[in-house]
Amino acid sequence: MKNILVIQDKGDIWIITGTTVQTDDYVVDPEMVRELPIDAEGREMFEHIKSRLPIAVLQYSKEVSGNLIKEDLIEVEYNQLELKRANTIHKARTYVSTRLNIVSVFDIFDYIMASNVLASAGHFISGANRREKYLEIIDTGEIELIDALESYLNSIDKLTVLQGWYKQYREFEKNIHNANTVEDMDELYRVFVQIFN
């Protein structure tokens, strides 16, 4: 278990948009986080940041190296609407991340390998020729190609679901940036999470 700060790149500074605890089941994008040490000082820092985020924007210079300490943090008065916007995006990103576990690295690997086997045999599947290519591959009677097609179809189903969620998340994020009230953001989030039920 790791104490994690969720961060956003803002030129010369990092803005801390949230805190989370990373477990084996919940893996965070390594380019959007900073891990805090799990010693007493690290835990104290984590709790301090967690307590300040509801009322202030916390940021620190990219020049800061080593363990983050309180003196490194710059507190900026935060417009309540902007705070709600950042928190809602963080909450949605966390919600989606926990559901992305249905697609594993093996599914992606299966898709790539199956596509390569089919392509090397001259079978390039596109949206326009999908049906005829499936039949053409089956009609070859070649076990390797038929197995590759089966792997391709199984993995593409999972990846298509993931692609749909990604598009929904990006649309949600855009709508949150355009929202003018806290109530609008709450409604957008309520509708967004229903996609996954």
N, C-alpha and C. Protein backbone atom coordinates (compact mmCIF):
# COMPACT_ATOMS: atom_id res chain seq x y z
N MET A 1 0.84 -1.17 0.00
CA MET A 1 0.00 0.00 0.00
C MET A 1 0.90 1.25 0.00
N LYS A 2 0.53 2.23 -0.85
CA LYS A 2 1.34 3.44 -0.98
C LYS A 2 0.46 4.67 -0.86
N ASN A 3 0.96 5.71 -0.20
CA ASN A 3 0.28 7.00 -0.16
C ASN A 3 0.70 7.80 -1.39
N ILE A 4 -0.30 8.22 -2.16
CA ILE A 4 -0.04 8.82 -3.47
C ILE A 4 -0.67 10.20 -3.56
N LEU A 5 0.07 11.15 -4.14
CA LEU A 5 -0.49 12.45 -4.50
C LEU A 5 -0.79 12.42 -5.99
N VAL A 6 -1.99 12.82 -6.36
CA VAL A 6 -2.35 12.91 -7.77
C VAL A 6 -1.99 14.33 -8.21
N ILE A 7 -1.19 14.44 -9.26
CA ILE A 7 -0.66 15.75 -9.65
C ILE A 7 -0.97 16.07 -11.11
N GLN A 8 -0.94 17.38 -11.42
CA GLN A 8 -1.10 17.85 -12.79
C GLN A 8 0.08 18.74 -13.14
N ASP A 9 0.57 18.57 -14.35
CA ASP A 9 1.70 19.36 -14.84
C ASP A 9 1.20 20.74 -15.26
N LYS A 10 1.76 21.78 -14.64
CA LYS A 10 1.39 23.16 -14.98
C LYS A 10 2.64 23.98 -15.25
N GLY A 11 3.44 23.53 -16.20
CA GLY A 11 4.64 24.27 -16.57
C GLY A 11 5.77 24.08 -15.58
N ASP A 12 6.05 25.12 -14.78
CA ASP A 12 7.15 25.07 -13.81
C ASP A 12 6.74 24.46 -12.48
N ILE A 13 5.45 24.18 -12.34
CA ILE A 13 4.96 23.66 -11.05
C ILE A 13 4.13 22.40 -11.25
N TRP A 14 3.98 21.67 -10.15
CA TRP A 14 3.03 20.56 -10.08
C TRP A 14 1.88 21.04 -9.19
N ILE A 15 0.65 20.79 -9.63
CA ILE A 15 -0.51 21.07 -8.79
C ILE A 15 -1.01 19.74 -8.25
N ILE A 16 -1.25 19.69 -6.95
CA ILE A 16 -1.78 18.47 -6.32
C ILE A 16 -3.29 18.53 -6.42
N THR A 17 -3.89 17.58 -7.14
CA THR A 17 -5.35 17.60 -7.33
C THR A 17 -6.07 16.61 -6.43
N GLY A 18 -5.34 15.73 -5.78
CA GLY A 18 -6.00 14.77 -4.91
C GLY A 18 -5.00 13.86 -4.24
N THR A 19 -5.52 13.04 -3.35
CA THR A 19 -4.71 12.03 -2.67
C THR A 19 -5.42 10.69 -2.83
N THR A 20 -4.64 9.63 -2.82
CA THR A 20 -5.22 8.30 -2.89
C THR A 20 -4.25 7.30 -2.27
N VAL A 21 -4.77 6.16 -1.98
CA VAL A 21 -3.93 5.08 -1.48
C VAL A 21 -3.88 4.02 -2.57
N GLN A 22 -2.70 3.70 -3.03
CA GLN A 22 -2.56 2.72 -4.11
C GLN A 22 -2.39 1.33 -3.50
N THR A 23 -3.22 0.41 -3.99
CA THR A 23 -3.12 -0.98 -3.59
C THR A 23 -2.77 -1.79 -4.83
N ASP A 24 -2.62 -3.09 -4.67
CA ASP A 24 -2.33 -3.95 -5.83
C ASP A 24 -3.47 -3.94 -6.83
N ASP A 25 -4.70 -3.75 -6.35
CA ASP A 25 -5.87 -3.76 -7.23
C ASP A 25 -6.06 -2.44 -7.96
N TYR A 26 -5.52 -1.37 -7.40
CA TYR A 26 -5.74 -0.04 -7.95
C TYR A 26 -4.39 0.56 -8.31
N VAL A 27 -4.10 0.61 -9.59
CA VAL A 27 -2.81 1.10 -10.06
C VAL A 27 -3.02 2.45 -10.73
N VAL A 28 -2.22 3.42 -10.32
CA VAL A 28 -2.35 4.78 -10.81
C VAL A 28 -1.33 5.03 -11.90
N ASP A 29 -1.70 5.87 -12.88
CA ASP A 29 -0.79 6.26 -13.95
C ASP A 29 0.45 6.91 -13.32
N PRO A 30 1.65 6.33 -13.51
CA PRO A 30 2.86 6.83 -12.84
C PRO A 30 3.26 8.24 -13.24
N GLU A 31 2.78 8.74 -14.38
CA GLU A 31 3.15 10.09 -14.81
C GLU A 31 2.26 11.15 -14.17
N MET A 32 1.23 10.74 -13.45
CA MET A 32 0.30 11.69 -12.86
C MET A 32 0.31 11.64 -11.34
N VAL A 33 1.34 11.03 -10.77
CA VAL A 33 1.37 10.87 -9.32
C VAL A 33 2.76 11.11 -8.74
N ARG A 34 2.76 11.34 -7.44
CA ARG A 34 4.02 11.38 -6.68
C ARG A 34 3.78 10.54 -5.43
N GLU A 35 4.65 9.59 -5.22
CA GLU A 35 4.53 8.71 -4.06
C GLU A 35 5.21 9.36 -2.86
N LEU A 36 4.54 9.28 -1.71
CA LEU A 36 5.14 9.77 -0.47
C LEU A 36 5.71 8.60 0.31
N PRO A 37 6.77 8.85 1.07
CA PRO A 37 7.35 7.75 1.86
C PRO A 37 6.31 7.25 2.88
N ILE A 38 6.45 6.01 3.28
CA ILE A 38 5.48 5.44 4.22
C ILE A 38 5.95 5.55 5.68
N ASP A 39 7.03 6.31 5.89
CA ASP A 39 7.48 6.52 7.26
C ASP A 39 6.57 7.55 7.94
N ALA A 40 6.84 7.86 9.20
CA ALA A 40 5.99 8.76 9.98
C ALA A 40 5.89 10.15 9.33
N GLU A 41 7.01 10.69 8.85
CA GLU A 41 7.00 12.00 8.21
C GLU A 41 6.17 11.99 6.93
N GLY A 42 6.31 10.92 6.15
CA GLY A 42 5.55 10.80 4.91
C GLY A 42 4.06 10.71 5.17
N ARG A 43 3.68 9.93 6.18
CA ARG A 43 2.26 9.81 6.55
C ARG A 43 1.70 11.14 7.05
N GLU A 44 2.52 11.85 7.84
CA GLU A 44 2.08 13.15 8.35
C GLU A 44 1.88 14.14 7.20
N MET A 45 2.80 14.12 6.24
CA MET A 45 2.69 14.99 5.07
C MET A 45 1.43 14.65 4.27
N PHE A 46 1.19 13.36 4.08
CA PHE A 46 0.01 12.89 3.34
C PHE A 46 -1.26 13.40 4.01
N GLU A 47 -1.35 13.25 5.32
CA GLU A 47 -2.54 13.70 6.06
C GLU A 47 -2.69 15.21 6.00
N HIS A 48 -1.58 15.93 6.07
CA HIS A 48 -1.62 17.40 5.97
C HIS A 48 -2.19 17.82 4.62
N ILE A 49 -1.67 17.25 3.55
CA ILE A 49 -2.13 17.60 2.20
C ILE A 49 -3.60 17.24 2.05
N LYS A 50 -3.96 16.07 2.51
CA LYS A 50 -5.36 15.61 2.42
C LYS A 50 -6.31 16.59 3.14
N SER A 51 -5.88 17.11 4.28
CA SER A 51 -6.73 18.03 5.05
C SER A 51 -6.81 19.40 4.41
N ARG A 52 -5.78 19.81 3.66
CA ARG A 52 -5.77 21.15 3.05
C ARG A 52 -6.47 21.21 1.70
N LEU A 53 -6.52 20.10 0.98
CA LEU A 53 -7.07 20.12 -0.38
C LEU A 53 -8.53 20.58 -0.47
N PRO A 54 -9.37 20.31 0.48
CA PRO A 54 -10.74 20.80 0.32
C PRO A 54 -10.85 22.33 0.35
N ILE A 55 -9.84 23.01 0.88
CA ILE A 55 -9.97 24.45 1.03
C ILE A 55 -8.92 25.26 0.27
N ALA A 56 -7.93 24.62 -0.29
CA ALA A 56 -6.87 25.36 -0.98
C ALA A 56 -6.25 24.53 -2.10
N VAL A 57 -5.70 25.25 -3.07
CA VAL A 57 -4.90 24.59 -4.10
C VAL A 57 -3.50 24.46 -3.54
N LEU A 58 -2.92 23.28 -3.67
CA LEU A 58 -1.55 23.06 -3.23
C LEU A 58 -0.69 22.79 -4.45
N GLN A 59 0.43 23.46 -4.50
CA GLN A 59 1.34 23.25 -5.61
C GLN A 59 2.77 23.30 -5.09
N TYR A 60 3.68 22.79 -5.91
CA TYR A 60 5.09 22.87 -5.55
C TYR A 60 5.92 22.95 -6.83
N SER A 61 7.10 23.50 -6.69
CA SER A 61 7.99 23.72 -7.83
C SER A 61 8.53 22.38 -8.35
N LYS A 62 8.73 22.32 -9.65
CA LYS A 62 9.33 21.13 -10.24
C LYS A 62 10.80 20.98 -9.83
N GLU A 63 11.37 22.04 -9.28
CA GLU A 63 12.76 21.99 -8.84
C GLU A 63 12.92 21.24 -7.52
N VAL A 64 11.80 21.00 -6.83
CA VAL A 64 11.86 20.30 -5.55
C VAL A 64 12.28 18.85 -5.81
N SER A 65 13.34 18.44 -5.12
CA SER A 65 13.78 17.04 -5.25
C SER A 65 13.78 16.43 -3.86
N GLY A 66 13.84 15.13 -3.80
CA GLY A 66 13.80 14.45 -2.52
C GLY A 66 12.39 14.43 -1.96
N ASN A 67 12.29 14.16 -0.66
CA ASN A 67 10.98 14.08 -0.03
C ASN A 67 10.33 15.45 0.06
N LEU A 68 9.06 15.49 -0.22
CA LEU A 68 8.28 16.71 -0.14
C LEU A 68 8.05 17.06 1.33
N ILE A 69 8.27 18.34 1.69
CA ILE A 69 8.02 18.79 3.05
C ILE A 69 7.04 19.96 2.99
N LYS A 70 6.46 20.31 4.14
CA LYS A 70 5.43 21.37 4.19
C LYS A 70 5.95 22.68 3.60
N GLU A 71 7.21 22.99 3.84
CA GLU A 71 7.77 24.25 3.34
C GLU A 71 7.84 24.30 1.81
N ASP A 72 7.79 23.14 1.15
CA ASP A 72 7.81 23.10 -0.32
C ASP A 72 6.47 23.49 -0.92
N LEU A 73 5.41 23.36 -0.13
CA LEU A 73 4.06 23.58 -0.63
C LEU A 73 3.73 25.07 -0.73
N ILE A 74 3.09 25.41 -1.82
CA ILE A 74 2.58 26.77 -2.01
C ILE A 74 1.07 26.65 -2.01
N GLU A 75 0.42 27.38 -1.09
CA GLU A 75 -1.04 27.36 -1.01
C GLU A 75 -1.58 28.55 -1.78
N VAL A 76 -2.55 28.28 -2.63
CA VAL A 76 -3.16 29.34 -3.43
C VAL A 76 -4.64 29.36 -3.11
N GLU A 77 -5.18 30.55 -2.90
CA GLU A 77 -6.61 30.64 -2.66
C GLU A 77 -7.33 30.05 -3.86
N TYR A 78 -8.33 29.26 -3.55
CA TYR A 78 -8.99 28.53 -4.62
C TYR A 78 -10.44 28.94 -4.73
N ASN A 79 -10.81 29.27 -5.89
CA ASN A 79 -12.20 29.53 -6.21
C ASN A 79 -12.98 28.24 -5.95
N GLN A 80 -14.07 28.29 -5.23
CA GLN A 80 -14.82 27.09 -4.87
C GLN A 80 -15.29 26.30 -6.10
N LEU A 81 -15.61 27.01 -7.17
CA LEU A 81 -16.03 26.33 -8.40
C LEU A 81 -14.87 25.54 -9.01
N GLU A 82 -13.69 26.14 -9.00
CA GLU A 82 -12.51 25.45 -9.53
C GLU A 82 -12.12 24.26 -8.66
N LEU A 83 -12.29 24.43 -7.36
CA LEU A 83 -12.02 23.32 -6.44
C LEU A 83 -12.96 22.16 -6.73
N LYS A 84 -14.23 22.46 -6.89
CA LYS A 84 -15.22 21.43 -7.19
C LYS A 84 -14.88 20.77 -8.52
N ARG A 85 -14.47 21.55 -9.50
CA ARG A 85 -14.10 21.03 -10.82
C ARG A 85 -12.95 20.03 -10.70
N ALA A 86 -11.90 20.42 -10.00
CA ALA A 86 -10.72 19.55 -9.83
C ALA A 86 -11.08 18.29 -9.05
N ASN A 87 -11.87 18.44 -7.99
CA ASN A 87 -12.25 17.27 -7.18
C ASN A 87 -13.15 16.31 -7.95
N THR A 88 -14.06 16.87 -8.74
CA THR A 88 -14.97 16.02 -9.51
C THR A 88 -14.21 15.23 -10.57
N ILE A 89 -13.27 15.87 -11.23
CA ILE A 89 -12.46 15.18 -12.24
C ILE A 89 -11.62 14.09 -11.58
N HIS A 90 -11.03 14.39 -10.44
CA HIS A 90 -10.23 13.38 -9.71
C HIS A 90 -11.11 12.20 -9.29
N LYS A 91 -12.28 12.49 -8.77
CA LYS A 91 -13.20 11.43 -8.32
C LYS A 91 -13.61 10.54 -9.50
N ALA A 92 -13.90 11.17 -10.65
CA ALA A 92 -14.30 10.39 -11.84
C ALA A 92 -13.13 9.55 -12.35
N ARG A 93 -11.93 10.13 -12.37
CA ARG A 93 -10.75 9.39 -12.85
C ARG A 93 -10.49 8.18 -11.96
N THR A 94 -10.63 8.36 -10.66
CA THR A 94 -10.44 7.25 -9.72
C THR A 94 -11.51 6.19 -9.95
N TYR A 95 -12.74 6.61 -10.14
CA TYR A 95 -13.85 5.69 -10.36
C TYR A 95 -13.62 4.85 -11.62
N VAL A 96 -13.20 5.51 -12.70
CA VAL A 96 -12.96 4.80 -13.96
C VAL A 96 -11.77 3.86 -13.84
N SER A 97 -10.70 4.32 -13.19
CA SER A 97 -9.48 3.51 -13.07
C SER A 97 -9.75 2.15 -12.43
N THR A 98 -10.61 2.13 -11.43
CA THR A 98 -10.89 0.86 -10.76
C THR A 98 -11.65 -0.10 -11.66
N ARG A 99 -12.33 0.43 -12.68
CA ARG A 99 -13.10 -0.42 -13.58
C ARG A 99 -12.31 -0.86 -14.81
N LEU A 100 -11.18 -0.23 -15.04
CA LEU A 100 -10.37 -0.57 -16.21
C LEU A 100 -9.64 -1.89 -16.06
N ASN A 101 -9.71 -2.48 -14.89
CA ASN A 101 -9.01 -3.74 -14.65
C ASN A 101 -9.57 -4.90 -15.45
N ILE A 102 -10.73 -4.70 -16.12
CA ILE A 102 -11.26 -5.79 -16.94
C ILE A 102 -10.36 -6.07 -18.14
N VAL A 103 -9.57 -5.08 -18.53
CA VAL A 103 -8.65 -5.27 -19.65
C VAL A 103 -7.25 -5.41 -19.08
N SER A 104 -6.64 -6.52 -19.37
CA SER A 104 -5.29 -6.76 -18.86
C SER A 104 -4.27 -6.55 -19.96
N VAL A 105 -3.03 -6.55 -19.57
CA VAL A 105 -1.93 -6.47 -20.54
C VAL A 105 -2.01 -7.66 -21.50
N PHE A 106 -2.49 -8.81 -20.99
CA PHE A 106 -2.60 -9.99 -21.84
C PHE A 106 -3.62 -9.79 -22.95
N ASP A 107 -4.71 -9.08 -22.65
CA ASP A 107 -5.71 -8.80 -23.69
C ASP A 107 -5.10 -7.94 -24.80
N ILE A 108 -4.33 -6.95 -24.40
CA ILE A 108 -3.68 -6.07 -25.39
C ILE A 108 -2.65 -6.87 -26.18
N PHE A 109 -1.88 -7.69 -25.48
CA PHE A 109 -0.88 -8.53 -26.13
C PHE A 109 -1.56 -9.50 -27.11
N ASP A 110 -2.66 -10.13 -26.68
CA ASP A 110 -3.41 -11.05 -27.56
C ASP A 110 -3.87 -10.33 -28.83
N TYR A 111 -4.36 -9.12 -28.66
CA TYR A 111 -4.83 -8.35 -29.81
C TYR A 111 -3.69 -8.07 -30.79
N ILE A 112 -2.57 -7.63 -30.26
CA ILE A 112 -1.41 -7.31 -31.12
C ILE A 112 -0.90 -8.56 -31.83
N MET A 113 -0.74 -9.65 -31.07
CA MET A 113 -0.23 -10.89 -31.67
C MET A 113 -1.19 -11.44 -32.73
N ALA A 114 -2.47 -11.47 -32.40
CA ALA A 114 -3.46 -11.99 -33.35
C ALA A 114 -3.50 -11.13 -34.61
N SER A 115 -3.46 -9.81 -34.44
CA SER A 115 -3.45 -8.91 -35.60
C SER A 115 -2.23 -9.15 -36.47
N ASN A 116 -1.08 -9.38 -35.84
CA ASN A 116 0.15 -9.62 -36.60
C ASN A 116 0.08 -10.94 -37.37
N VAL A 117 -0.44 -11.99 -36.72
CA VAL A 117 -0.57 -13.29 -37.40
C VAL A 117 -1.50 -13.15 -38.61
N LEU A 118 -2.62 -12.49 -38.42
CA LEU A 118 -3.58 -12.33 -39.52
C LEU A 118 -3.00 -11.44 -40.63
N ALA A 119 -2.35 -10.34 -40.25
CA ALA A 119 -1.78 -9.43 -41.24
C ALA A 119 -0.67 -10.10 -42.04
N SER A 120 0.16 -10.90 -41.37
CA SER A 120 1.25 -11.56 -42.08
C SER A 120 0.74 -12.59 -43.08
N ALA A 121 -0.52 -13.04 -42.87
CA ALA A 121 -1.13 -13.96 -43.83
C ALA A 121 -1.98 -13.21 -44.86
N GLY A 122 -1.90 -11.86 -44.82
CA GLY A 122 -2.61 -11.05 -45.81
C GLY A 122 -4.04 -10.71 -45.44
N HIS A 123 -4.41 -10.90 -44.17
CA HIS A 123 -5.78 -10.61 -43.74
C HIS A 123 -5.78 -9.34 -42.88
N PHE A 124 -6.15 -8.23 -43.50
CA PHE A 124 -6.20 -6.95 -42.81
C PHE A 124 -7.66 -6.62 -42.53
N ILE A 125 -8.05 -6.67 -41.27
CA ILE A 125 -9.45 -6.48 -40.88
C ILE A 125 -9.69 -5.00 -40.61
N SER A 126 -10.74 -4.48 -41.25
CA SER A 126 -11.15 -3.09 -41.00
C SER A 126 -12.64 -3.08 -40.71
N GLY A 127 -13.15 -1.93 -40.33
CA GLY A 127 -14.58 -1.81 -40.06
C GLY A 127 -15.41 -2.13 -41.30
N ALA A 128 -14.90 -1.76 -42.46
CA ALA A 128 -15.64 -1.94 -43.71
C ALA A 128 -15.64 -3.38 -44.20
N ASN A 129 -14.55 -4.13 -43.97
CA ASN A 129 -14.46 -5.48 -44.54
C ASN A 129 -14.57 -6.59 -43.49
N ARG A 130 -14.94 -6.23 -42.28
CA ARG A 130 -14.92 -7.16 -41.15
C ARG A 130 -15.60 -8.49 -41.46
N ARG A 131 -16.84 -8.46 -41.88
CA ARG A 131 -17.61 -9.71 -42.10
C ARG A 131 -16.95 -10.62 -43.14
N GLU A 132 -16.61 -10.02 -44.26
CA GLU A 132 -16.03 -10.86 -45.33
C GLU A 132 -14.67 -11.42 -44.92
N LYS A 133 -13.88 -10.64 -44.15
CA LYS A 133 -12.58 -11.13 -43.71
C LYS A 133 -12.74 -12.28 -42.71
N TYR A 134 -13.71 -12.18 -41.81
CA TYR A 134 -13.94 -13.26 -40.85
C TYR A 134 -14.24 -14.56 -41.60
N LEU A 135 -15.14 -14.47 -42.57
CA LEU A 135 -15.52 -15.67 -43.35
C LEU A 135 -14.33 -16.18 -44.17
N GLU A 136 -13.59 -15.25 -44.74
CA GLU A 136 -12.42 -15.62 -45.55
C GLU A 136 -11.40 -16.39 -44.70
N ILE A 137 -11.17 -15.92 -43.47
CA ILE A 137 -10.21 -16.58 -42.57
C ILE A 137 -10.72 -17.96 -42.18
N ILE A 138 -11.99 -18.07 -41.86
CA ILE A 138 -12.58 -19.37 -41.47
C ILE A 138 -12.52 -20.34 -42.64
N ASP A 139 -12.80 -19.83 -43.85
CA ASP A 139 -12.79 -20.68 -45.05
C ASP A 139 -11.40 -21.22 -45.39
N THR A 140 -10.34 -20.59 -44.87
CA THR A 140 -8.99 -21.12 -45.14
C THR A 140 -8.81 -22.49 -44.49
N GLY A 141 -9.53 -22.72 -43.38
CA GLY A 141 -9.39 -23.98 -42.66
C GLY A 141 -8.08 -24.10 -41.90
N GLU A 142 -7.26 -23.04 -41.92
CA GLU A 142 -5.97 -23.08 -41.23
C GLU A 142 -6.18 -22.81 -39.74
N ILE A 143 -5.81 -23.80 -38.93
CA ILE A 143 -6.04 -23.73 -37.48
C ILE A 143 -5.37 -22.50 -36.87
N GLU A 144 -4.13 -22.21 -37.28
CA GLU A 144 -3.41 -21.06 -36.71
C GLU A 144 -4.17 -19.75 -36.97
N LEU A 145 -4.70 -19.59 -38.19
CA LEU A 145 -5.43 -18.37 -38.52
C LEU A 145 -6.77 -18.30 -37.79
N ILE A 146 -7.45 -19.43 -37.69
CA ILE A 146 -8.74 -19.47 -36.99
C ILE A 146 -8.54 -19.18 -35.50
N ASP A 147 -7.47 -19.73 -34.90
CA ASP A 147 -7.15 -19.44 -33.50
C ASP A 147 -6.82 -17.96 -33.31
N ALA A 148 -6.07 -17.41 -34.26
CA ALA A 148 -5.71 -15.99 -34.20
C ALA A 148 -6.97 -15.12 -34.30
N LEU A 149 -7.89 -15.52 -35.17
CA LEU A 149 -9.15 -14.78 -35.31
C LEU A 149 -9.94 -14.82 -34.00
N GLU A 150 -9.97 -15.99 -33.37
CA GLU A 150 -10.69 -16.11 -32.10
C GLU A 150 -10.06 -15.21 -31.03
N SER A 151 -8.73 -15.20 -30.94
CA SER A 151 -8.04 -14.32 -29.99
C SER A 151 -8.32 -12.86 -30.31
N TYR A 152 -8.28 -12.55 -31.59
CA TYR A 152 -8.55 -11.18 -32.05
C TYR A 152 -9.94 -10.73 -31.62
N LEU A 153 -10.95 -11.58 -31.86
CA LEU A 153 -12.33 -11.23 -31.53
C LEU A 153 -12.54 -11.09 -30.03
N ASN A 154 -11.95 -12.00 -29.25
CA ASN A 154 -12.09 -11.92 -27.79
C ASN A 154 -11.46 -10.64 -27.24
N SER A 155 -10.27 -10.31 -27.72
CA SER A 155 -9.58 -9.13 -27.20
C SER A 155 -10.21 -7.84 -27.72
N ILE A 156 -10.67 -7.82 -28.96
CA ILE A 156 -11.26 -6.60 -29.51
C ILE A 156 -12.56 -6.25 -28.78
N ASP A 157 -13.30 -7.26 -28.33
CA ASP A 157 -14.52 -7.00 -27.56
C ASP A 157 -14.19 -6.22 -26.29
N LYS A 158 -13.16 -6.69 -25.57
CA LYS A 158 -12.77 -6.02 -24.31
C LYS A 158 -12.21 -4.62 -24.59
N LEU A 159 -11.39 -4.50 -25.63
CA LEU A 159 -10.80 -3.21 -25.94
C LEU A 159 -11.84 -2.20 -26.43
N THR A 160 -12.87 -2.68 -27.08
CA THR A 160 -13.94 -1.79 -27.56
C THR A 160 -14.70 -1.20 -26.37
N VAL A 161 -14.95 -2.02 -25.35
CA VAL A 161 -15.59 -1.52 -24.14
C VAL A 161 -14.73 -0.43 -23.51
N LEU A 162 -13.43 -0.71 -23.42
CA LEU A 162 -12.49 0.24 -22.84
C LEU A 162 -12.46 1.55 -23.63
N GLN A 163 -12.47 1.43 -24.94
CA GLN A 163 -12.46 2.61 -25.80
C GLN A 163 -13.71 3.46 -25.57
N GLY A 164 -14.85 2.79 -25.42
CA GLY A 164 -16.11 3.51 -25.15
C GLY A 164 -16.04 4.26 -23.84
N TRP A 165 -15.50 3.61 -22.80
CA TRP A 165 -15.37 4.27 -21.50
C TRP A 165 -14.42 5.47 -21.58
N TYR A 166 -13.34 5.29 -22.32
CA TYR A 166 -12.37 6.38 -22.47
C TYR A 166 -13.03 7.60 -23.13
N LYS A 167 -13.80 7.34 -24.19
CA LYS A 167 -14.48 8.44 -24.88
C LYS A 167 -15.49 9.12 -23.95
N GLN A 168 -16.22 8.31 -23.18
CA GLN A 168 -17.18 8.86 -22.22
C GLN A 168 -16.48 9.72 -21.17
N TYR A 169 -15.32 9.23 -20.69
CA TYR A 169 -14.58 9.99 -19.68
C TYR A 169 -14.11 11.32 -20.26
N ARG A 170 -13.55 11.30 -21.46
CA ARG A 170 -13.07 12.54 -22.08
C ARG A 170 -14.21 13.54 -22.29
N GLU A 171 -15.37 13.05 -22.69
CA GLU A 171 -16.54 13.91 -22.88
C GLU A 171 -16.97 14.49 -21.52
N PHE A 172 -16.98 13.63 -20.49
CA PHE A 172 -17.32 14.08 -19.15
C PHE A 172 -16.37 15.18 -18.68
N GLU A 173 -15.08 14.97 -18.89
CA GLU A 173 -14.06 15.94 -18.47
C GLU A 173 -14.29 17.28 -19.16
N LYS A 174 -14.59 17.25 -20.46
CA LYS A 174 -14.86 18.47 -21.21
C LYS A 174 -16.10 19.18 -20.66
N ASN A 175 -17.14 18.40 -20.35
CA ASN A 175 -18.37 18.98 -19.81
C ASN A 175 -18.14 19.60 -18.43
N ILE A 176 -17.30 18.95 -17.62
CA ILE A 176 -16.99 19.49 -16.29
C ILE A 176 -16.26 20.83 -16.43
N HIS A 177 -15.35 20.92 -17.38
CA HIS A 177 -14.63 22.18 -17.59
C HIS A 177 -15.56 23.30 -18.06
N ASN A 178 -16.66 22.92 -18.73
CA ASN A 178 -17.61 23.91 -19.22
C ASN A 178 -18.74 24.20 -18.25
N ALA A 179 -18.85 23.42 -17.17
CA ALA A 179 -19.95 23.59 -16.22
C ALA A 179 -19.79 24.90 -15.45
N ASN A 180 -20.93 25.53 -15.15
CA ASN A 180 -20.89 26.84 -14.48
C ASN A 180 -21.32 26.81 -13.02
N THR A 181 -21.87 25.67 -12.57
CA THR A 181 -22.31 25.59 -11.18
C THR A 181 -21.91 24.26 -10.57
N VAL A 182 -21.84 24.23 -9.25
CA VAL A 182 -21.56 23.01 -8.51
C VAL A 182 -22.64 21.98 -8.79
N GLU A 183 -23.88 22.44 -8.85
CA GLU A 183 -25.01 21.53 -9.10
C GLU A 183 -24.89 20.86 -10.47
N ASP A 184 -24.46 21.63 -11.46
CA ASP A 184 -24.26 21.05 -12.81
C ASP A 184 -23.21 19.95 -12.76
N MET A 185 -22.13 20.19 -12.02
CA MET A 185 -21.06 19.19 -11.91
C MET A 185 -21.54 17.94 -11.19
N ASP A 186 -22.31 18.13 -10.14
CA ASP A 186 -22.87 16.97 -9.42
C ASP A 186 -23.75 16.14 -10.33
N GLU A 187 -24.56 16.79 -11.15
CA GLU A 187 -25.45 16.07 -12.07
C GLU A 187 -24.64 15.36 -13.15
N LEU A 188 -23.63 16.02 -13.68
CA LEU A 188 -22.77 15.39 -14.69
C LEU A 188 -22.10 14.14 -14.12
N TYR A 189 -21.61 14.22 -12.89
CA TYR A 189 -20.97 13.07 -12.26
C TYR A 189 -21.98 11.95 -12.04
N ARG A 190 -23.17 12.29 -11.56
CA ARG A 190 -24.21 11.28 -11.31
C ARG A 190 -24.53 10.50 -12.60
N VAL A 191 -24.68 11.24 -13.69
CA VAL A 191 -25.00 10.62 -14.98
C VAL A 191 -23.80 9.78 -15.47
N PHE A 192 -22.60 10.32 -15.28
CA PHE A 192 -21.39 9.63 -15.73
C PHE A 192 -21.22 8.27 -15.07
N VAL A 193 -21.36 8.19 -13.75
CA VAL A 193 -21.12 6.91 -13.08
C VAL A 193 -22.19 5.88 -13.41
N GLN A 194 -23.34 6.31 -13.87
CA GLN A 194 -24.39 5.36 -14.26
C GLN A 194 -23.99 4.54 -15.49
N ILE A 195 -23.06 5.07 -16.27
CA ILE A 195 -22.57 4.34 -17.46
C ILE A 195 -22.00 2.99 -17.05
N PHE A 196 -21.40 2.92 -15.86
CA PHE A 196 -20.69 1.72 -15.44
C PHE A 196 -21.56 0.75 -14.64
N ASN A 197 -22.81 1.11 -14.41
CA ASN A 197 -23.70 0.22 -13.64
C ASN A 197 -24.44 -0.74 -14.56
